[in-house]
Amino acid sequence: MKVRETRVIYPINGRGGLYILIEGTQEEVYKGSADRMAIETANRNGWKGDGEASIGIPTRVGVQLYTRAYWFHEKQ
């Protein structure tokens, strides 16, 4: 499992915040390892891992099947 992308984004059509893209195996993504890694990454980057967040499936071309996109909206 690896973090493919981490950056702060404030899009026009959304709330924005820290965006984290994690790619892993089916078990890592669905059993919670990816969630824990996203929270740890957010905390390391100065965002609240236990604060308000959104989780989704990335929709752009070229993204692997077992990938999750996380948005953290609150800074520490």
N, C-alpha and C. Protein backbone atom coordinates (compact mmCIF):
# COMPACT_ATOMS: atom_id res chain seq x y z
N MET A 1 0.85 -1.17 0.00
CA MET A 1 0.00 0.00 0.00
C MET A 1 0.89 1.23 0.00
N LYS A 2 0.49 2.23 -0.79
CA LYS A 2 1.30 3.45 -0.84
C LYS A 2 0.43 4.68 -1.07
N VAL A 3 0.95 5.79 -0.61
CA VAL A 3 0.31 7.09 -0.84
C VAL A 3 0.78 7.56 -2.20
N ARG A 4 -0.14 7.70 -3.14
CA ARG A 4 0.19 8.12 -4.50
C ARG A 4 0.27 9.64 -4.63
N GLU A 5 -0.52 10.35 -3.82
CA GLU A 5 -0.61 11.80 -3.97
C GLU A 5 -1.05 12.42 -2.65
N THR A 6 -0.45 13.54 -2.30
CA THR A 6 -0.85 14.33 -1.13
C THR A 6 -0.67 15.79 -1.48
N ARG A 7 -1.75 16.54 -1.43
CA ARG A 7 -1.64 17.98 -1.70
C ARG A 7 -2.85 18.72 -1.16
N VAL A 8 -2.69 20.00 -0.97
CA VAL A 8 -3.78 20.85 -0.50
C VAL A 8 -4.44 21.46 -1.73
N ILE A 9 -5.75 21.24 -1.83
CA ILE A 9 -6.50 21.72 -2.99
C ILE A 9 -7.80 22.37 -2.51
N TYR A 10 -8.14 23.48 -3.11
CA TYR A 10 -9.42 24.15 -2.86
C TYR A 10 -10.13 24.35 -4.20
N PRO A 11 -10.85 23.33 -4.68
CA PRO A 11 -11.52 23.46 -5.99
C PRO A 11 -12.69 24.44 -5.94
N ILE A 12 -13.08 24.91 -7.08
CA ILE A 12 -14.20 25.86 -7.19
C ILE A 12 -15.51 25.19 -6.76
N ASN A 13 -15.69 23.93 -7.12
CA ASN A 13 -16.97 23.26 -6.88
C ASN A 13 -17.01 22.42 -5.61
N GLY A 14 -16.06 22.58 -4.71
CA GLY A 14 -16.07 21.77 -3.49
C GLY A 14 -15.42 22.48 -2.33
N ARG A 15 -15.45 21.84 -1.21
CA ARG A 15 -14.94 22.43 0.02
C ARG A 15 -13.42 22.46 0.07
N GLY A 16 -12.80 21.39 -0.37
CA GLY A 16 -11.34 21.34 -0.42
C GLY A 16 -10.69 21.03 0.91
N GLY A 17 -9.38 21.06 0.89
CA GLY A 17 -8.58 20.72 2.05
C GLY A 17 -7.40 19.86 1.63
N LEU A 18 -6.97 18.97 2.50
CA LEU A 18 -5.87 18.07 2.20
C LEU A 18 -6.41 16.87 1.45
N TYR A 19 -5.89 16.63 0.25
CA TYR A 19 -6.30 15.52 -0.59
C TYR A 19 -5.24 14.44 -0.52
N ILE A 20 -5.65 13.21 -0.21
CA ILE A 20 -4.72 12.08 -0.13
C ILE A 20 -5.27 10.96 -1.00
N LEU A 21 -4.44 10.43 -1.88
CA LEU A 21 -4.82 9.33 -2.76
C LEU A 21 -3.97 8.11 -2.36
N ILE A 22 -4.64 7.04 -1.94
CA ILE A 22 -3.94 5.83 -1.48
C ILE A 22 -4.32 4.66 -2.37
N GLU A 23 -3.30 3.90 -2.77
CA GLU A 23 -3.49 2.73 -3.61
C GLU A 23 -2.99 1.50 -2.85
N GLY A 24 -3.77 0.43 -2.89
CA GLY A 24 -3.37 -0.79 -2.18
C GLY A 24 -4.06 -2.01 -2.75
N THR A 25 -4.03 -3.09 -1.99
CA THR A 25 -4.71 -4.31 -2.40
C THR A 25 -6.17 -4.24 -1.95
N GLN A 26 -6.96 -5.20 -2.41
CA GLN A 26 -8.37 -5.25 -2.02
C GLN A 26 -8.51 -5.34 -0.51
N GLU A 27 -7.73 -6.16 0.13
CA GLU A 27 -7.82 -6.33 1.59
C GLU A 27 -7.42 -5.07 2.33
N GLU A 28 -6.36 -4.40 1.89
CA GLU A 28 -5.91 -3.17 2.55
C GLU A 28 -6.96 -2.07 2.46
N VAL A 29 -7.57 -1.95 1.30
CA VAL A 29 -8.55 -0.87 1.09
C VAL A 29 -9.84 -1.15 1.86
N TYR A 30 -10.33 -2.38 1.80
CA TYR A 30 -11.63 -2.68 2.40
C TYR A 30 -11.57 -3.06 3.87
N LYS A 31 -10.42 -3.42 4.40
CA LYS A 31 -10.32 -3.82 5.82
C LYS A 31 -9.85 -2.69 6.73
N GLY A 32 -9.59 -1.50 6.19
CA GLY A 32 -9.30 -0.35 7.04
C GLY A 32 -7.85 0.10 7.11
N SER A 33 -6.92 -0.64 6.53
CA SER A 33 -5.52 -0.22 6.57
C SER A 33 -5.32 1.10 5.84
N ALA A 34 -6.02 1.28 4.73
CA ALA A 34 -5.91 2.53 3.97
C ALA A 34 -6.45 3.71 4.78
N ASP A 35 -7.53 3.48 5.53
CA ASP A 35 -8.09 4.54 6.38
C ASP A 35 -7.07 4.98 7.43
N ARG A 36 -6.45 4.02 8.09
CA ARG A 36 -5.45 4.34 9.12
C ARG A 36 -4.26 5.08 8.52
N MET A 37 -3.81 4.65 7.34
CA MET A 37 -2.68 5.32 6.70
C MET A 37 -3.04 6.75 6.32
N ALA A 38 -4.26 6.98 5.85
CA ALA A 38 -4.71 8.34 5.49
C ALA A 38 -4.74 9.24 6.73
N ILE A 39 -5.23 8.72 7.83
CA ILE A 39 -5.29 9.50 9.08
C ILE A 39 -3.89 9.86 9.55
N GLU A 40 -2.97 8.90 9.51
CA GLU A 40 -1.59 9.16 9.91
C GLU A 40 -0.93 10.20 9.00
N THR A 41 -1.19 10.10 7.70
CA THR A 41 -0.62 11.05 6.74
C THR A 41 -1.18 12.46 6.99
N ALA A 42 -2.47 12.56 7.25
CA ALA A 42 -3.09 13.86 7.54
C ALA A 42 -2.48 14.47 8.80
N ASN A 43 -2.33 13.68 9.85
CA ASN A 43 -1.75 14.19 11.09
C ASN A 43 -0.32 14.67 10.87
N ARG A 44 0.46 13.93 10.10
CA ARG A 44 1.85 14.32 9.82
C ARG A 44 1.94 15.62 9.05
N ASN A 45 0.92 15.90 8.22
CA ASN A 45 0.92 17.11 7.40
C ASN A 45 0.21 18.29 8.06
N GLY A 46 -0.14 18.18 9.33
CA GLY A 46 -0.73 19.30 10.06
C GLY A 46 -2.24 19.43 9.92
N TRP A 47 -2.93 18.35 9.55
CA TRP A 47 -4.38 18.36 9.42
C TRP A 47 -4.96 17.42 10.46
N LYS A 48 -6.20 17.63 10.84
CA LYS A 48 -6.85 16.80 11.86
C LYS A 48 -7.30 15.47 11.25
N GLY A 49 -6.59 14.41 11.61
CA GLY A 49 -6.96 13.08 11.13
C GLY A 49 -8.27 12.60 11.72
N ASP A 50 -8.61 13.11 12.90
CA ASP A 50 -9.87 12.72 13.55
C ASP A 50 -10.96 13.77 13.37
N GLY A 51 -10.71 14.74 12.50
CA GLY A 51 -11.68 15.79 12.23
C GLY A 51 -12.60 15.43 11.07
N GLU A 52 -13.26 16.43 10.53
CA GLU A 52 -14.19 16.19 9.43
C GLU A 52 -13.42 15.78 8.16
N ALA A 53 -13.89 14.71 7.53
CA ALA A 53 -13.22 14.18 6.34
C ALA A 53 -14.24 13.55 5.41
N SER A 54 -13.83 13.36 4.16
CA SER A 54 -14.66 12.69 3.16
C SER A 54 -13.82 11.59 2.51
N ILE A 55 -14.46 10.49 2.16
CA ILE A 55 -13.78 9.37 1.51
C ILE A 55 -14.55 9.04 0.24
N GLY A 56 -13.82 8.76 -0.82
CA GLY A 56 -14.48 8.41 -2.07
C GLY A 56 -13.60 7.59 -2.97
N ILE A 57 -14.15 7.29 -4.12
CA ILE A 57 -13.43 6.53 -5.15
C ILE A 57 -13.02 7.53 -6.23
N PRO A 58 -11.73 7.62 -6.54
CA PRO A 58 -11.29 8.56 -7.56
C PRO A 58 -11.89 8.20 -8.93
N THR A 59 -12.19 9.21 -9.73
CA THR A 59 -12.87 8.96 -11.01
C THR A 59 -12.01 9.27 -12.22
N ARG A 60 -10.81 9.70 -12.04
CA ARG A 60 -10.02 10.05 -13.22
C ARG A 60 -9.40 8.82 -13.89
N VAL A 61 -9.01 8.97 -15.11
CA VAL A 61 -8.45 7.89 -15.91
C VAL A 61 -7.07 7.50 -15.38
N GLY A 62 -6.78 6.21 -15.40
CA GLY A 62 -5.46 5.73 -15.00
C GLY A 62 -5.33 5.38 -13.53
N VAL A 63 -6.39 5.45 -12.76
CA VAL A 63 -6.34 5.12 -11.34
C VAL A 63 -6.65 3.63 -11.18
N GLN A 64 -5.88 2.95 -10.36
CA GLN A 64 -6.05 1.52 -10.13
C GLN A 64 -7.38 1.22 -9.46
N LEU A 65 -7.81 -0.03 -9.54
CA LEU A 65 -9.10 -0.45 -9.01
C LEU A 65 -9.21 -0.24 -7.50
N TYR A 66 -8.19 -0.61 -6.75
CA TYR A 66 -8.25 -0.52 -5.28
C TYR A 66 -7.53 0.74 -4.82
N THR A 67 -8.19 1.85 -5.04
CA THR A 67 -7.66 3.17 -4.69
C THR A 67 -8.75 3.96 -4.00
N ARG A 68 -8.38 4.73 -2.99
CA ARG A 68 -9.33 5.58 -2.28
C ARG A 68 -8.79 7.00 -2.23
N ALA A 69 -9.71 7.94 -2.32
CA ALA A 69 -9.39 9.36 -2.20
C ALA A 69 -9.95 9.86 -0.87
N TYR A 70 -9.13 10.56 -0.13
CA TYR A 70 -9.53 11.10 1.18
C TYR A 70 -9.36 12.61 1.14
N TRP A 71 -10.33 13.33 1.72
CA TRP A 71 -10.25 14.78 1.89
C TRP A 71 -10.34 15.06 3.39
N PHE A 72 -9.38 15.77 3.91
CA PHE A 72 -9.42 16.22 5.31
C PHE A 72 -9.66 17.72 5.28
N HIS A 73 -10.69 18.18 5.98
CA HIS A 73 -11.15 19.56 5.86
C HIS A 73 -10.70 20.49 6.99
N GLU A 74 -10.18 19.94 8.09
CA GLU A 74 -9.84 20.78 9.25
C GLU A 74 -8.34 20.73 9.53
N LYS A 75 -7.73 21.89 9.66
CA LYS A 75 -6.31 21.96 10.05
C LYS A 75 -6.19 21.84 11.56
N GLN A 76 -5.03 21.41 12.02
CA GLN A 76 -4.78 21.29 13.47
C GLN A 76 -4.52 22.64 14.07
